[in-house]
Amino acid sequence: MGAESKCTLTFGTTRAEGKALLETDALIFRGADMRLSVPYKQMSSVEASGGSLHVRFPEGVAVFAIGDVAPKWAQKILNPPSRLDKLGVKPDQIVIVHGVEDEGFERELSARGARVSTRLGGEADIIFYGAESRPALSRLRSLLKNLKRDGAIWVIRPKGVDAITESDVMKAGKAAGLVDVKVARFSDTHTAEKLVIPVRDR
């Protein structure tokens, strides 16, 4: 989710100053003398009160004093955005899914109301392109003929491998006349990187 705030953390008998981070899968605290990461799936309750988040999980109750943003953070934790929300998919958009190995992704898109195709043809609002290694990125330029000028290509690549990196995607996108504007979690194993045509070239 990408938000952060100065924070005083109280956890058991420990009290520490530092920074709280609202990440995709966990609420994280980083201080000079203490660090704590609480995965959302382990939280049994989340409450905002008096400028603090009270988070109960198996190890106990952690109180994150983050001020006025506490209610907003609580809502984000309790009602996290879906994968399609993060990827910006809207009903009635034309979406092409090409080379993405993810069971259920096409069903998610159809349930959202998108018009989904696995074939390259016409002009799409969004192209989801699976790239498992650097050589696959050479096709980015050819995908442009199937993309609306204000559309986006999301490159879906494996996380944490040398075969293809964020830098590789950025470099290949630039060579194809695209700019990278966003990174999002796609799954436990894959990352999504968003490329668009620069506004001046549309």
N, C-alpha and C. Protein backbone atom coordinates (compact mmCIF):
# COMPACT_ATOMS: atom_id res chain seq x y z
N MET A 1 0.83 -1.21 0.00
CA MET A 1 0.00 0.00 0.00
C MET A 1 0.86 1.26 0.00
N GLY A 2 2.08 1.13 0.56
CA GLY A 2 3.07 2.17 0.36
C GLY A 2 3.02 3.39 1.25
N ALA A 3 2.22 3.39 2.34
CA ALA A 3 2.17 4.56 3.22
C ALA A 3 3.16 4.40 4.36
N GLU A 4 3.62 5.54 4.91
CA GLU A 4 4.50 5.49 6.06
C GLU A 4 4.22 6.67 6.99
N SER A 5 4.59 6.52 8.26
CA SER A 5 4.33 7.56 9.25
C SER A 5 5.31 7.42 10.40
N LYS A 6 5.67 8.57 11.01
CA LYS A 6 6.42 8.52 12.26
C LYS A 6 5.56 7.81 13.28
N CYS A 7 6.21 7.08 14.18
CA CYS A 7 5.44 6.20 15.04
C CYS A 7 6.13 5.98 16.38
N THR A 8 5.30 5.87 17.42
CA THR A 8 5.75 5.33 18.70
C THR A 8 5.07 3.98 18.86
N LEU A 9 5.86 2.94 18.99
CA LEU A 9 5.31 1.60 19.12
C LEU A 9 5.38 1.15 20.58
N THR A 10 4.25 0.64 21.06
CA THR A 10 4.22 0.00 22.38
C THR A 10 3.85 -1.46 22.17
N PHE A 11 4.74 -2.33 22.60
CA PHE A 11 4.52 -3.77 22.41
C PHE A 11 5.01 -4.48 23.67
N GLY A 12 4.05 -4.98 24.45
CA GLY A 12 4.40 -5.56 25.75
C GLY A 12 4.98 -4.49 26.65
N THR A 13 6.16 -4.71 27.17
CA THR A 13 6.80 -3.73 28.05
C THR A 13 7.76 -2.82 27.29
N THR A 14 7.80 -2.99 25.97
CA THR A 14 8.74 -2.23 25.15
C THR A 14 8.05 -1.03 24.52
N ARG A 15 8.74 0.10 24.54
CA ARG A 15 8.25 1.30 23.88
C ARG A 15 9.40 1.86 23.03
N ALA A 16 9.13 2.13 21.75
CA ALA A 16 10.21 2.55 20.85
C ALA A 16 9.71 3.59 19.87
N GLU A 17 10.63 4.46 19.45
CA GLU A 17 10.35 5.48 18.44
C GLU A 17 10.90 5.00 17.09
N GLY A 18 10.17 5.31 16.04
CA GLY A 18 10.63 4.91 14.72
C GLY A 18 9.64 5.27 13.65
N LYS A 19 9.52 4.40 12.66
CA LYS A 19 8.66 4.65 11.50
C LYS A 19 7.77 3.43 11.27
N ALA A 20 6.50 3.67 11.00
CA ALA A 20 5.57 2.60 10.65
C ALA A 20 5.35 2.63 9.14
N LEU A 21 5.30 1.45 8.53
CA LEU A 21 5.09 1.33 7.09
C LEU A 21 3.91 0.41 6.82
N LEU A 22 2.98 0.90 6.00
CA LEU A 22 1.82 0.12 5.61
C LEU A 22 2.13 -0.51 4.26
N GLU A 23 2.62 -1.75 4.30
CA GLU A 23 3.04 -2.42 3.08
C GLU A 23 1.92 -3.29 2.52
N THR A 24 2.23 -3.98 1.41
CA THR A 24 1.20 -4.78 0.74
C THR A 24 0.67 -5.90 1.61
N ASP A 25 1.57 -6.58 2.36
CA ASP A 25 1.17 -7.76 3.11
C ASP A 25 1.31 -7.63 4.61
N ALA A 26 1.91 -6.54 5.08
CA ALA A 26 2.20 -6.46 6.51
C ALA A 26 2.30 -5.01 6.98
N LEU A 27 2.07 -4.82 8.28
CA LEU A 27 2.31 -3.55 8.96
C LEU A 27 3.68 -3.68 9.61
N ILE A 28 4.58 -2.77 9.28
CA ILE A 28 5.98 -2.90 9.69
C ILE A 28 6.39 -1.70 10.54
N PHE A 29 7.18 -1.97 11.57
CA PHE A 29 7.77 -0.92 12.38
C PHE A 29 9.29 -1.03 12.31
N ARG A 30 9.95 0.11 12.09
CA ARG A 30 11.40 0.14 12.06
C ARG A 30 11.90 1.24 12.98
N GLY A 31 12.63 0.84 14.00
CA GLY A 31 13.22 1.80 14.94
C GLY A 31 14.68 1.48 15.15
N ALA A 32 15.37 2.37 15.84
CA ALA A 32 16.80 2.16 16.08
C ALA A 32 17.06 0.91 16.90
N ASP A 33 16.17 0.62 17.85
CA ASP A 33 16.39 -0.50 18.75
C ASP A 33 15.38 -1.63 18.60
N MET A 34 14.43 -1.47 17.68
CA MET A 34 13.40 -2.50 17.57
C MET A 34 12.82 -2.52 16.17
N ARG A 35 12.50 -3.72 15.72
CA ARG A 35 11.81 -3.91 14.44
C ARG A 35 10.69 -4.91 14.65
N LEU A 36 9.59 -4.68 13.95
CA LEU A 36 8.44 -5.58 14.08
C LEU A 36 7.71 -5.62 12.74
N SER A 37 7.31 -6.81 12.32
CA SER A 37 6.51 -6.98 11.11
C SER A 37 5.31 -7.86 11.44
N VAL A 38 4.11 -7.33 11.22
CA VAL A 38 2.90 -8.08 11.52
C VAL A 38 2.14 -8.33 10.23
N PRO A 39 2.17 -9.55 9.70
CA PRO A 39 1.41 -9.85 8.47
C PRO A 39 -0.09 -9.65 8.70
N TYR A 40 -0.76 -9.09 7.72
CA TYR A 40 -2.20 -8.85 7.86
C TYR A 40 -2.96 -10.15 8.12
N LYS A 41 -2.51 -11.24 7.51
CA LYS A 41 -3.24 -12.51 7.67
C LYS A 41 -3.14 -13.05 9.09
N GLN A 42 -2.18 -12.54 9.90
CA GLN A 42 -2.07 -12.98 11.28
C GLN A 42 -2.85 -12.11 12.25
N MET A 43 -3.37 -10.99 11.78
CA MET A 43 -4.08 -10.08 12.67
C MET A 43 -5.48 -10.60 12.97
N SER A 44 -5.80 -10.69 14.26
CA SER A 44 -7.15 -11.11 14.64
C SER A 44 -8.07 -9.92 14.87
N SER A 45 -7.49 -8.74 15.13
CA SER A 45 -8.31 -7.52 15.24
C SER A 45 -7.44 -6.30 14.99
N VAL A 46 -8.07 -5.27 14.44
CA VAL A 46 -7.41 -3.99 14.18
C VAL A 46 -8.39 -2.89 14.55
N GLU A 47 -7.97 -2.00 15.46
CA GLU A 47 -8.84 -0.91 15.89
C GLU A 47 -8.05 0.39 15.92
N ALA A 48 -8.72 1.48 15.53
CA ALA A 48 -8.12 2.81 15.60
C ALA A 48 -8.78 3.56 16.74
N SER A 49 -7.94 4.09 17.64
CA SER A 49 -8.47 4.83 18.79
C SER A 49 -7.43 5.82 19.28
N GLY A 50 -7.85 7.07 19.45
CA GLY A 50 -6.97 8.09 20.01
C GLY A 50 -5.67 8.29 19.25
N GLY A 51 -5.72 8.17 17.93
CA GLY A 51 -4.52 8.37 17.13
C GLY A 51 -3.59 7.17 17.10
N SER A 52 -4.08 6.01 17.54
CA SER A 52 -3.25 4.80 17.54
C SER A 52 -3.97 3.64 16.89
N LEU A 53 -3.17 2.75 16.30
CA LEU A 53 -3.68 1.47 15.80
C LEU A 53 -3.39 0.40 16.84
N HIS A 54 -4.43 -0.29 17.26
CA HIS A 54 -4.28 -1.39 18.20
C HIS A 54 -4.42 -2.69 17.41
N VAL A 55 -3.33 -3.41 17.29
CA VAL A 55 -3.29 -4.60 16.44
C VAL A 55 -3.05 -5.84 17.30
N ARG A 56 -4.01 -6.76 17.25
CA ARG A 56 -3.87 -8.01 18.00
C ARG A 56 -3.45 -9.12 17.03
N PHE A 57 -2.42 -9.86 17.40
CA PHE A 57 -1.94 -10.99 16.60
C PHE A 57 -1.40 -12.04 17.57
N PRO A 58 -0.97 -13.22 17.11
CA PRO A 58 -0.64 -14.30 18.06
C PRO A 58 0.38 -13.94 19.13
N GLU A 59 1.31 -13.04 18.84
CA GLU A 59 2.35 -12.69 19.81
C GLU A 59 1.89 -11.66 20.84
N GLY A 60 0.70 -11.09 20.65
CA GLY A 60 0.20 -10.10 21.61
C GLY A 60 -0.49 -8.94 20.93
N VAL A 61 -0.48 -7.78 21.60
CA VAL A 61 -1.10 -6.57 21.07
C VAL A 61 -0.02 -5.51 20.88
N ALA A 62 0.05 -4.98 19.67
CA ALA A 62 0.99 -3.90 19.37
C ALA A 62 0.19 -2.63 19.14
N VAL A 63 0.65 -1.54 19.75
CA VAL A 63 -0.04 -0.25 19.61
C VAL A 63 0.88 0.69 18.83
N PHE A 64 0.42 1.07 17.65
CA PHE A 64 1.17 1.95 16.77
C PHE A 64 0.58 3.36 16.88
N ALA A 65 1.27 4.27 17.56
CA ALA A 65 0.79 5.65 17.70
C ALA A 65 1.24 6.43 16.46
N ILE A 66 0.30 6.62 15.52
CA ILE A 66 0.64 7.26 14.24
C ILE A 66 -0.18 8.52 13.97
N GLY A 67 -1.02 8.93 14.93
CA GLY A 67 -1.74 10.18 14.78
C GLY A 67 -3.02 10.07 13.96
N ASP A 68 -3.34 11.15 13.25
CA ASP A 68 -4.63 11.27 12.58
C ASP A 68 -4.85 10.25 11.46
N VAL A 69 -3.79 9.62 10.97
CA VAL A 69 -3.96 8.66 9.87
C VAL A 69 -4.40 7.29 10.37
N ALA A 70 -4.48 7.10 11.67
CA ALA A 70 -4.82 5.78 12.22
C ALA A 70 -6.13 5.21 11.67
N PRO A 71 -7.24 5.97 11.64
CA PRO A 71 -8.48 5.40 11.10
C PRO A 71 -8.35 4.99 9.63
N LYS A 72 -7.65 5.80 8.85
CA LYS A 72 -7.47 5.50 7.43
C LYS A 72 -6.66 4.22 7.25
N TRP A 73 -5.60 4.07 8.05
CA TRP A 73 -4.79 2.85 7.96
C TRP A 73 -5.59 1.63 8.37
N ALA A 74 -6.41 1.78 9.40
CA ALA A 74 -7.23 0.65 9.85
C ALA A 74 -8.16 0.18 8.74
N GLN A 75 -8.77 1.14 8.03
CA GLN A 75 -9.66 0.78 6.93
C GLN A 75 -8.92 0.09 5.81
N LYS A 76 -7.71 0.55 5.53
CA LYS A 76 -6.92 -0.08 4.46
C LYS A 76 -6.53 -1.51 4.83
N ILE A 77 -6.22 -1.73 6.10
CA ILE A 77 -5.86 -3.08 6.54
C ILE A 77 -7.08 -3.99 6.51
N LEU A 78 -8.21 -3.48 6.97
CA LEU A 78 -9.42 -4.29 7.04
C LEU A 78 -10.07 -4.49 5.68
N ASN A 79 -9.86 -3.54 4.77
CA ASN A 79 -10.45 -3.62 3.44
C ASN A 79 -9.38 -3.38 2.38
N PRO A 80 -8.44 -4.31 2.25
CA PRO A 80 -7.32 -4.09 1.33
C PRO A 80 -7.79 -4.06 -0.13
N PRO A 81 -7.12 -3.28 -0.97
CA PRO A 81 -7.47 -3.26 -2.39
C PRO A 81 -7.20 -4.63 -3.02
N SER A 82 -8.04 -5.00 -3.95
CA SER A 82 -7.84 -6.28 -4.64
C SER A 82 -6.69 -6.16 -5.64
N ARG A 83 -6.30 -7.30 -6.19
CA ARG A 83 -5.24 -7.28 -7.19
C ARG A 83 -5.64 -6.40 -8.38
N LEU A 84 -6.88 -6.51 -8.83
CA LEU A 84 -7.31 -5.72 -9.99
C LEU A 84 -7.42 -4.24 -9.66
N ASP A 85 -7.72 -3.91 -8.40
CA ASP A 85 -7.70 -2.50 -7.99
C ASP A 85 -6.29 -1.93 -8.15
N LYS A 86 -5.30 -2.70 -7.69
CA LYS A 86 -3.91 -2.24 -7.78
C LYS A 86 -3.46 -2.10 -9.22
N LEU A 87 -4.00 -2.96 -10.08
CA LEU A 87 -3.60 -2.95 -11.49
C LEU A 87 -4.44 -1.99 -12.33
N GLY A 88 -5.42 -1.35 -11.70
CA GLY A 88 -6.19 -0.32 -12.38
C GLY A 88 -7.18 -0.82 -13.41
N VAL A 89 -7.68 -2.04 -13.25
CA VAL A 89 -8.63 -2.61 -14.22
C VAL A 89 -10.04 -2.14 -13.89
N LYS A 90 -10.72 -1.62 -14.91
CA LYS A 90 -12.08 -1.11 -14.75
C LYS A 90 -13.05 -1.88 -15.64
N PRO A 91 -14.33 -1.90 -15.26
CA PRO A 91 -15.33 -2.57 -16.10
C PRO A 91 -15.34 -2.01 -17.52
N ASP A 92 -15.59 -2.88 -18.47
CA ASP A 92 -15.72 -2.54 -19.90
C ASP A 92 -14.40 -2.22 -20.59
N GLN A 93 -13.29 -2.27 -19.87
CA GLN A 93 -12.02 -2.07 -20.55
C GLN A 93 -11.69 -3.29 -21.42
N ILE A 94 -10.95 -3.03 -22.49
CA ILE A 94 -10.47 -4.12 -23.34
C ILE A 94 -9.10 -4.54 -22.82
N VAL A 95 -9.00 -5.81 -22.47
CA VAL A 95 -7.78 -6.31 -21.84
C VAL A 95 -7.25 -7.51 -22.61
N ILE A 96 -5.96 -7.49 -22.92
CA ILE A 96 -5.30 -8.63 -23.54
C ILE A 96 -4.37 -9.27 -22.51
N VAL A 97 -4.48 -10.57 -22.35
CA VAL A 97 -3.59 -11.33 -21.47
C VAL A 97 -2.75 -12.23 -22.36
N HIS A 98 -1.44 -11.99 -22.37
CA HIS A 98 -0.56 -12.72 -23.29
C HIS A 98 0.65 -13.28 -22.54
N GLY A 99 0.72 -14.59 -22.48
CA GLY A 99 1.88 -15.23 -21.86
C GLY A 99 1.90 -15.20 -20.35
N VAL A 100 0.78 -14.93 -19.71
CA VAL A 100 0.71 -14.88 -18.24
C VAL A 100 0.19 -16.22 -17.72
N GLU A 101 1.04 -16.90 -16.96
CA GLU A 101 0.66 -18.20 -16.40
C GLU A 101 0.10 -17.99 -14.99
N ASP A 102 -1.20 -17.81 -14.93
CA ASP A 102 -1.84 -17.58 -13.62
C ASP A 102 -3.28 -18.07 -13.70
N GLU A 103 -3.51 -19.22 -13.11
CA GLU A 103 -4.86 -19.77 -13.13
C GLU A 103 -5.81 -18.84 -12.37
N GLY A 104 -6.88 -18.51 -13.00
CA GLY A 104 -7.88 -17.68 -12.35
C GLY A 104 -7.80 -16.20 -12.70
N PHE A 105 -6.67 -15.75 -13.26
CA PHE A 105 -6.54 -14.32 -13.56
C PHE A 105 -7.57 -13.86 -14.60
N GLU A 106 -7.74 -14.65 -15.63
CA GLU A 106 -8.73 -14.29 -16.66
C GLU A 106 -10.14 -14.26 -16.07
N ARG A 107 -10.42 -15.19 -15.15
CA ARG A 107 -11.74 -15.20 -14.51
C ARG A 107 -11.93 -13.94 -13.67
N GLU A 108 -10.88 -13.52 -12.96
CA GLU A 108 -10.94 -12.28 -12.18
C GLU A 108 -11.29 -11.10 -13.08
N LEU A 109 -10.61 -11.04 -14.22
CA LEU A 109 -10.83 -9.93 -15.15
C LEU A 109 -12.26 -9.94 -15.68
N SER A 110 -12.75 -11.11 -16.04
CA SER A 110 -14.11 -11.22 -16.57
C SER A 110 -15.13 -10.84 -15.50
N ALA A 111 -14.87 -11.27 -14.25
CA ALA A 111 -15.78 -10.93 -13.16
C ALA A 111 -15.82 -9.43 -12.91
N ARG A 112 -14.72 -8.74 -13.19
CA ARG A 112 -14.66 -7.29 -13.04
C ARG A 112 -15.46 -6.59 -14.13
N GLY A 113 -15.75 -7.31 -15.21
CA GLY A 113 -16.50 -6.72 -16.31
C GLY A 113 -15.63 -6.29 -17.47
N ALA A 114 -14.35 -6.67 -17.43
CA ALA A 114 -13.45 -6.34 -18.54
C ALA A 114 -13.72 -7.28 -19.71
N ARG A 115 -13.41 -6.82 -20.91
CA ARG A 115 -13.53 -7.63 -22.12
C ARG A 115 -12.15 -8.24 -22.39
N VAL A 116 -12.03 -9.53 -22.15
CA VAL A 116 -10.72 -10.18 -22.10
C VAL A 116 -10.46 -11.02 -23.34
N SER A 117 -9.23 -10.91 -23.84
CA SER A 117 -8.79 -11.74 -24.96
C SER A 117 -7.38 -12.24 -24.65
N THR A 118 -7.07 -13.44 -25.12
CA THR A 118 -5.72 -13.98 -24.99
C THR A 118 -4.98 -13.89 -26.33
N ARG A 119 -5.60 -13.27 -27.31
CA ARG A 119 -4.98 -13.11 -28.63
C ARG A 119 -4.64 -11.65 -28.87
N LEU A 120 -3.51 -11.43 -29.53
CA LEU A 120 -3.12 -10.08 -29.88
C LEU A 120 -3.90 -9.64 -31.11
N GLY A 121 -4.66 -8.57 -30.94
CA GLY A 121 -5.48 -8.06 -32.02
C GLY A 121 -6.25 -6.85 -31.55
N GLY A 122 -6.53 -5.93 -32.45
CA GLY A 122 -7.24 -4.71 -32.09
C GLY A 122 -6.39 -3.83 -31.19
N GLU A 123 -7.06 -2.95 -30.45
CA GLU A 123 -6.35 -2.06 -29.53
C GLU A 123 -6.93 -2.22 -28.13
N ALA A 124 -6.06 -2.47 -27.17
CA ALA A 124 -6.48 -2.73 -25.80
C ALA A 124 -6.20 -1.54 -24.90
N ASP A 125 -6.99 -1.45 -23.83
CA ASP A 125 -6.72 -0.46 -22.78
C ASP A 125 -5.53 -0.92 -21.94
N ILE A 126 -5.46 -2.24 -21.71
CA ILE A 126 -4.37 -2.81 -20.91
C ILE A 126 -3.91 -4.11 -21.56
N ILE A 127 -2.59 -4.29 -21.63
CA ILE A 127 -2.01 -5.56 -22.04
C ILE A 127 -1.21 -6.11 -20.86
N PHE A 128 -1.54 -7.31 -20.43
CA PHE A 128 -0.75 -8.00 -19.42
C PHE A 128 0.15 -8.97 -20.16
N TYR A 129 1.45 -8.72 -20.07
CA TYR A 129 2.42 -9.49 -20.84
C TYR A 129 3.37 -10.24 -19.92
N GLY A 130 3.36 -11.56 -20.01
CA GLY A 130 4.23 -12.37 -19.18
C GLY A 130 5.62 -12.48 -19.77
N ALA A 131 6.63 -12.13 -18.97
CA ALA A 131 8.02 -12.20 -19.41
C ALA A 131 8.82 -12.93 -18.33
N GLU A 132 9.27 -14.13 -18.65
CA GLU A 132 9.99 -14.94 -17.69
C GLU A 132 11.50 -14.74 -17.77
N SER A 133 11.99 -14.10 -18.85
CA SER A 133 13.42 -13.86 -19.01
C SER A 133 13.64 -12.63 -19.88
N ARG A 134 14.86 -12.11 -19.94
CA ARG A 134 15.18 -10.91 -20.70
C ARG A 134 14.78 -10.98 -22.17
N PRO A 135 15.05 -12.10 -22.87
CA PRO A 135 14.72 -12.14 -24.29
C PRO A 135 13.25 -11.83 -24.59
N ALA A 136 12.35 -12.17 -23.66
CA ALA A 136 10.92 -11.92 -23.88
C ALA A 136 10.62 -10.43 -23.99
N LEU A 137 11.48 -9.59 -23.42
CA LEU A 137 11.24 -8.14 -23.43
C LEU A 137 11.43 -7.53 -24.81
N SER A 138 12.06 -8.27 -25.72
CA SER A 138 12.26 -7.75 -27.08
C SER A 138 10.94 -7.57 -27.82
N ARG A 139 9.86 -8.15 -27.31
CA ARG A 139 8.56 -8.05 -27.96
C ARG A 139 7.77 -6.81 -27.55
N LEU A 140 8.29 -6.03 -26.61
CA LEU A 140 7.52 -4.88 -26.13
C LEU A 140 7.14 -3.92 -27.25
N ARG A 141 8.09 -3.62 -28.13
CA ARG A 141 7.80 -2.67 -29.20
C ARG A 141 6.67 -3.16 -30.10
N SER A 142 6.66 -4.46 -30.39
CA SER A 142 5.62 -5.00 -31.28
C SER A 142 4.24 -4.97 -30.61
N LEU A 143 4.20 -4.95 -29.28
CA LEU A 143 2.91 -4.90 -28.58
C LEU A 143 2.22 -3.55 -28.73
N LEU A 144 2.98 -2.52 -29.07
CA LEU A 144 2.42 -1.17 -29.15
C LEU A 144 1.30 -1.06 -30.18
N LYS A 145 1.36 -1.86 -31.24
CA LYS A 145 0.31 -1.77 -32.26
C LYS A 145 -1.04 -2.26 -31.74
N ASN A 146 -1.02 -2.97 -30.61
CA ASN A 146 -2.26 -3.46 -30.00
C ASN A 146 -2.65 -2.69 -28.75
N LEU A 147 -2.01 -1.52 -28.54
CA LEU A 147 -2.27 -0.73 -27.34
C LEU A 147 -2.83 0.64 -27.71
N LYS A 148 -3.91 1.04 -27.02
CA LYS A 148 -4.41 2.40 -27.18
C LYS A 148 -3.35 3.38 -26.72
N ARG A 149 -3.35 4.58 -27.29
CA ARG A 149 -2.29 5.54 -26.99
C ARG A 149 -2.24 5.90 -25.51
N ASP A 150 -3.38 5.86 -24.84
CA ASP A 150 -3.40 6.17 -23.40
C ASP A 150 -3.50 4.90 -22.55
N GLY A 151 -3.18 3.75 -23.17
CA GLY A 151 -3.26 2.49 -22.46
C GLY A 151 -1.99 2.16 -21.70
N ALA A 152 -1.91 0.93 -21.18
CA ALA A 152 -0.76 0.51 -20.38
C ALA A 152 -0.41 -0.93 -20.67
N ILE A 153 0.88 -1.21 -20.64
CA ILE A 153 1.39 -2.58 -20.68
C ILE A 153 1.92 -2.91 -19.28
N TRP A 154 1.38 -3.96 -18.70
CA TRP A 154 1.91 -4.47 -17.44
C TRP A 154 2.78 -5.67 -17.75
N VAL A 155 4.06 -5.56 -17.45
CA VAL A 155 4.97 -6.69 -17.63
C VAL A 155 4.95 -7.52 -16.34
N ILE A 156 4.57 -8.77 -16.47
CA ILE A 156 4.50 -9.68 -15.32
C ILE A 156 5.75 -10.54 -15.33
N ARG A 157 6.62 -10.35 -14.34
CA ARG A 157 7.90 -11.07 -14.31
C ARG A 157 8.09 -11.74 -12.96
N PRO A 158 8.89 -12.81 -12.92
CA PRO A 158 9.16 -13.49 -11.64
C PRO A 158 9.97 -12.61 -10.70
N LYS A 159 9.70 -12.75 -9.41
CA LYS A 159 10.42 -11.98 -8.40
C LYS A 159 11.79 -12.60 -8.10
N GLY A 160 12.73 -11.74 -7.80
CA GLY A 160 13.99 -12.18 -7.22
C GLY A 160 14.80 -13.17 -8.03
N VAL A 161 14.79 -13.04 -9.36
CA VAL A 161 15.60 -13.92 -10.18
C VAL A 161 16.54 -13.08 -11.04
N ASP A 162 17.66 -13.67 -11.42
CA ASP A 162 18.61 -12.96 -12.26
C ASP A 162 18.21 -12.97 -13.73
N ALA A 163 17.30 -13.88 -14.10
CA ALA A 163 16.93 -14.02 -15.50
C ALA A 163 16.23 -12.79 -16.05
N ILE A 164 15.59 -12.02 -15.16
CA ILE A 164 14.93 -10.78 -15.57
C ILE A 164 14.72 -9.92 -14.32
N THR A 165 15.11 -8.65 -14.41
CA THR A 165 15.05 -7.76 -13.25
C THR A 165 14.24 -6.51 -13.57
N GLU A 166 13.98 -5.73 -12.52
CA GLU A 166 13.29 -4.46 -12.71
C GLU A 166 14.06 -3.56 -13.67
N SER A 167 15.36 -3.54 -13.52
CA SER A 167 16.20 -2.73 -14.40
C SER A 167 16.08 -3.17 -15.86
N ASP A 168 15.99 -4.49 -16.08
CA ASP A 168 15.82 -5.00 -17.44
C ASP A 168 14.52 -4.50 -18.07
N VAL A 169 13.46 -4.52 -17.28
CA VAL A 169 12.15 -4.08 -17.78
C VAL A 169 12.18 -2.59 -18.10
N MET A 170 12.75 -1.80 -17.20
CA MET A 170 12.84 -0.36 -17.43
C MET A 170 13.64 -0.04 -18.69
N LYS A 171 14.76 -0.74 -18.86
CA LYS A 171 15.63 -0.51 -20.01
C LYS A 171 14.94 -0.90 -21.32
N ALA A 172 14.28 -2.07 -21.31
CA ALA A 172 13.58 -2.52 -22.50
C ALA A 172 12.38 -1.63 -22.82
N GLY A 173 11.69 -1.16 -21.78
CA GLY A 173 10.57 -0.25 -21.99
C GLY A 173 11.03 1.04 -22.63
N LYS A 174 12.13 1.59 -22.15
CA LYS A 174 12.66 2.83 -22.71
C LYS A 174 13.04 2.64 -24.17
N ALA A 175 13.65 1.50 -24.49
CA ALA A 175 14.04 1.22 -25.87
C ALA A 175 12.82 1.11 -26.80
N ALA A 176 11.68 0.71 -26.21
CA ALA A 176 10.45 0.58 -27.00
C ALA A 176 9.64 1.87 -27.02
N GLY A 177 10.16 2.93 -26.39
CA GLY A 177 9.46 4.21 -26.36
C GLY A 177 8.45 4.33 -25.24
N LEU A 178 8.65 3.55 -24.17
CA LEU A 178 7.73 3.54 -23.04
C LEU A 178 8.43 4.03 -21.78
N VAL A 179 7.64 4.45 -20.81
CA VAL A 179 8.19 4.84 -19.51
C VAL A 179 7.53 4.00 -18.42
N ASP A 180 8.31 3.65 -17.40
CA ASP A 180 7.76 2.88 -16.28
C ASP A 180 7.17 3.85 -15.26
N VAL A 181 5.97 3.55 -14.79
CA VAL A 181 5.29 4.47 -13.88
C VAL A 181 4.82 3.83 -12.57
N LYS A 182 4.86 2.50 -12.49
CA LYS A 182 4.33 1.88 -11.27
C LYS A 182 4.79 0.44 -11.18
N VAL A 183 4.97 -0.02 -9.95
CA VAL A 183 5.25 -1.43 -9.67
C VAL A 183 4.20 -1.92 -8.69
N ALA A 184 3.68 -3.13 -8.91
CA ALA A 184 2.66 -3.69 -8.01
C ALA A 184 2.91 -5.18 -7.82
N ARG A 185 2.47 -5.68 -6.69
CA ARG A 185 2.54 -7.12 -6.43
C ARG A 185 1.50 -7.81 -7.30
N PHE A 186 1.92 -8.82 -8.05
CA PHE A 186 0.97 -9.58 -8.87
C PHE A 186 0.56 -10.88 -8.17
N SER A 187 1.54 -11.54 -7.58
CA SER A 187 1.28 -12.80 -6.86
C SER A 187 2.44 -13.06 -5.91
N ASP A 188 2.41 -14.21 -5.26
CA ASP A 188 3.51 -14.56 -4.36
C ASP A 188 4.82 -14.72 -5.12
N THR A 189 4.73 -15.05 -6.39
CA THR A 189 5.94 -15.34 -7.16
C THR A 189 6.27 -14.29 -8.22
N HIS A 190 5.31 -13.41 -8.54
CA HIS A 190 5.52 -12.48 -9.66
C HIS A 190 5.21 -11.03 -9.30
N THR A 191 5.92 -10.14 -9.96
CA THR A 191 5.76 -8.70 -9.84
C THR A 191 5.21 -8.14 -11.14
N ALA A 192 4.44 -7.07 -11.05
CA ALA A 192 3.90 -6.40 -12.23
C ALA A 192 4.50 -5.00 -12.34
N GLU A 193 5.01 -4.66 -13.52
CA GLU A 193 5.57 -3.34 -13.77
C GLU A 193 4.83 -2.68 -14.92
N LYS A 194 4.36 -1.45 -14.66
CA LYS A 194 3.49 -0.75 -15.60
C LYS A 194 4.31 0.18 -16.50
N LEU A 195 4.10 0.03 -17.80
CA LEU A 195 4.74 0.86 -18.81
C LEU A 195 3.68 1.57 -19.63
N VAL A 196 3.91 2.84 -19.93
CA VAL A 196 2.96 3.62 -20.73
C VAL A 196 3.72 4.43 -21.78
N ILE A 197 2.98 4.89 -22.79
CA ILE A 197 3.54 5.80 -23.78
C ILE A 197 3.64 7.18 -23.13
N PRO A 198 4.78 7.85 -23.22
CA PRO A 198 4.90 9.19 -22.62
C PRO A 198 3.81 10.13 -23.16
N VAL A 199 3.30 10.99 -22.31
CA VAL A 199 2.21 11.90 -22.69
C VAL A 199 2.54 12.69 -23.93
N ARG A 200 3.79 13.12 -24.05
CA ARG A 200 4.18 13.95 -25.21
C ARG A 200 4.11 13.20 -26.54
N ASP A 201 4.10 11.85 -26.47
CA ASP A 201 4.11 11.04 -27.68
C ASP A 201 2.74 10.45 -28.02
N ARG A 202 1.74 10.75 -27.23
CA ARG A 202 0.43 10.15 -27.49
C ARG A 202 -0.31 10.88 -28.61
